[in-house]
């Protein structure tokens, strides 16, 4: 999706935050993903700070503020393996990118 958006003229960065108790599984993510993976720590606990759950997605605007939140299992699918999920995430990104 990042390349697709880039070819359409959008500069988008994707980052994943691995759960603080899942450091042992981070290689599985690195093997599947081409974007930055950050490892959460119990001393930071980013997931709790944002009330996050596995596969939730947060979209930040160019000003660094949270522009949209897509919880896993919410009204909009976040399953990128499905057409509906892919289109929902891409649409949410485009909405943020095209907002004033």
Protein backbone atom coordinates (compact mmCIF):
# COMPACT_ATOMS: atom_id res chain seq x y z
CA UNK A 1 0.00 0.00 0.00
CA UNK A 2 2.86 2.37 0.79
CA UNK A 3 4.26 2.01 -2.72
CA UNK A 4 0.80 2.37 -4.23
CA UNK A 5 0.25 5.62 -2.32
CA UNK A 6 3.72 6.87 -3.19
CA UNK A 7 3.08 6.29 -6.89
CA UNK A 8 -0.10 8.34 -6.47
CA UNK A 9 1.96 11.21 -5.03
CA UNK A 10 1.47 10.63 -1.31
CA UNK A 11 4.31 10.37 1.18
CA UNK A 12 3.19 7.97 3.91
CA UNK A 13 5.19 6.29 6.67
CA UNK A 14 4.04 3.06 8.28
CA UNK A 15 5.23 1.96 11.71
CA UNK A 16 4.25 -1.00 13.83
CA UNK A 17 4.62 -1.17 17.60
CA UNK A 18 5.19 -4.69 18.88
CA UNK A 19 3.53 -5.43 22.21
CA UNK A 20 5.82 -5.16 25.22
CA UNK A 21 5.44 -8.84 26.13
CA UNK A 22 5.96 -10.07 22.56
CA UNK A 23 9.62 -9.25 21.93
CA UNK A 24 10.32 -12.92 21.25
CA UNK A 25 7.95 -12.84 18.27
CA UNK A 26 9.24 -9.68 16.61
CA UNK A 27 11.25 -11.62 14.02
CA UNK A 28 7.98 -13.02 12.64
CA UNK A 29 6.84 -9.45 12.00
CA UNK A 30 10.18 -8.41 10.52
CA UNK A 31 10.02 -11.37 8.12
CA UNK A 32 6.60 -10.25 6.82
CA UNK A 33 6.81 -6.46 6.87
CA UNK A 34 8.91 -3.91 5.05
CA UNK A 35 8.18 -1.03 7.42
CA UNK A 36 9.66 0.08 10.71
CA UNK A 37 8.97 -2.09 13.75
CA UNK A 38 9.28 -0.50 17.18
CA UNK A 39 9.44 -2.65 20.29
CA UNK A 40 7.25 -1.44 23.16
CA UNK A 41 8.72 -1.77 26.65
CA UNK A 42 7.03 -2.36 29.97
CA UNK A 43 8.56 0.92 31.17
CA UNK A 44 6.88 2.80 28.30
CA UNK A 45 3.75 0.70 27.62
CA UNK A 46 2.61 2.54 24.50
CA UNK A 47 -0.27 0.14 23.95
CA UNK A 48 -1.82 1.08 27.31
CA UNK A 49 -1.14 4.79 26.82
CA UNK A 50 -3.26 4.70 23.68
CA UNK A 51 -5.75 2.11 24.92
CA UNK A 52 -4.53 -0.03 22.04
CA UNK A 53 -5.16 -3.64 21.17
CA UNK A 54 -3.64 -6.05 18.69
CA UNK A 55 -4.10 -4.90 15.09
CA UNK A 56 -5.55 -1.48 15.99
CA UNK A 57 -4.46 1.25 13.59
CA UNK A 58 -3.77 4.88 14.38
CA UNK A 59 -3.47 7.40 11.58
CA UNK A 60 -1.63 10.62 12.33
CA UNK A 61 -1.83 13.73 10.21
CA UNK A 62 1.13 15.66 8.90
CA UNK A 63 0.95 17.85 12.01
CA UNK A 64 1.56 14.81 14.23
CA UNK A 65 -1.90 14.69 15.78
CA UNK A 66 -4.14 11.65 15.78
CA UNK A 67 -6.43 12.02 12.77
CA UNK A 68 -8.21 8.66 12.74
CA UNK A 69 -8.39 5.49 14.78
CA UNK A 70 -9.33 2.11 13.34
CA UNK A 71 -9.82 -0.43 16.11
CA UNK A 72 -9.48 -4.06 15.15
CA UNK A 73 -13.00 -5.48 14.99
CA UNK A 74 -14.56 -2.04 14.63
CA UNK A 75 -17.01 -0.80 12.02
CA UNK A 76 -14.24 -0.56 9.43
CA UNK A 77 -12.22 -3.68 8.73
CA UNK A 78 -8.47 -3.44 9.30
CA UNK A 79 -7.70 -6.85 7.80
CA UNK A 80 -5.34 -5.96 4.99
CA UNK A 81 -5.62 -9.49 3.60
CA UNK A 82 -9.19 -8.78 2.47
CA UNK A 83 -10.41 -6.37 -0.19
CA UNK A 84 -12.79 -4.69 2.27
CA UNK A 85 -10.09 -4.24 4.90
CA UNK A 86 -7.50 -3.02 2.43
CA UNK A 87 -9.92 -0.51 0.93
CA UNK A 88 -11.08 0.67 4.36
CA UNK A 89 -7.54 1.36 5.56
CA UNK A 90 -6.50 2.95 2.28
CA UNK A 91 -9.65 5.09 2.28
CA UNK A 92 -8.99 6.25 5.84
CA UNK A 93 -5.43 7.18 4.91
CA UNK A 94 -6.59 9.07 1.83
CA UNK A 95 -9.22 10.91 3.87
CA UNK A 96 -6.51 12.12 6.24
CA UNK A 97 -4.05 12.90 3.47
CA UNK A 98 -6.62 14.90 1.52
CA UNK A 99 -8.04 16.81 4.50
CA UNK A 100 -7.09 20.48 4.80
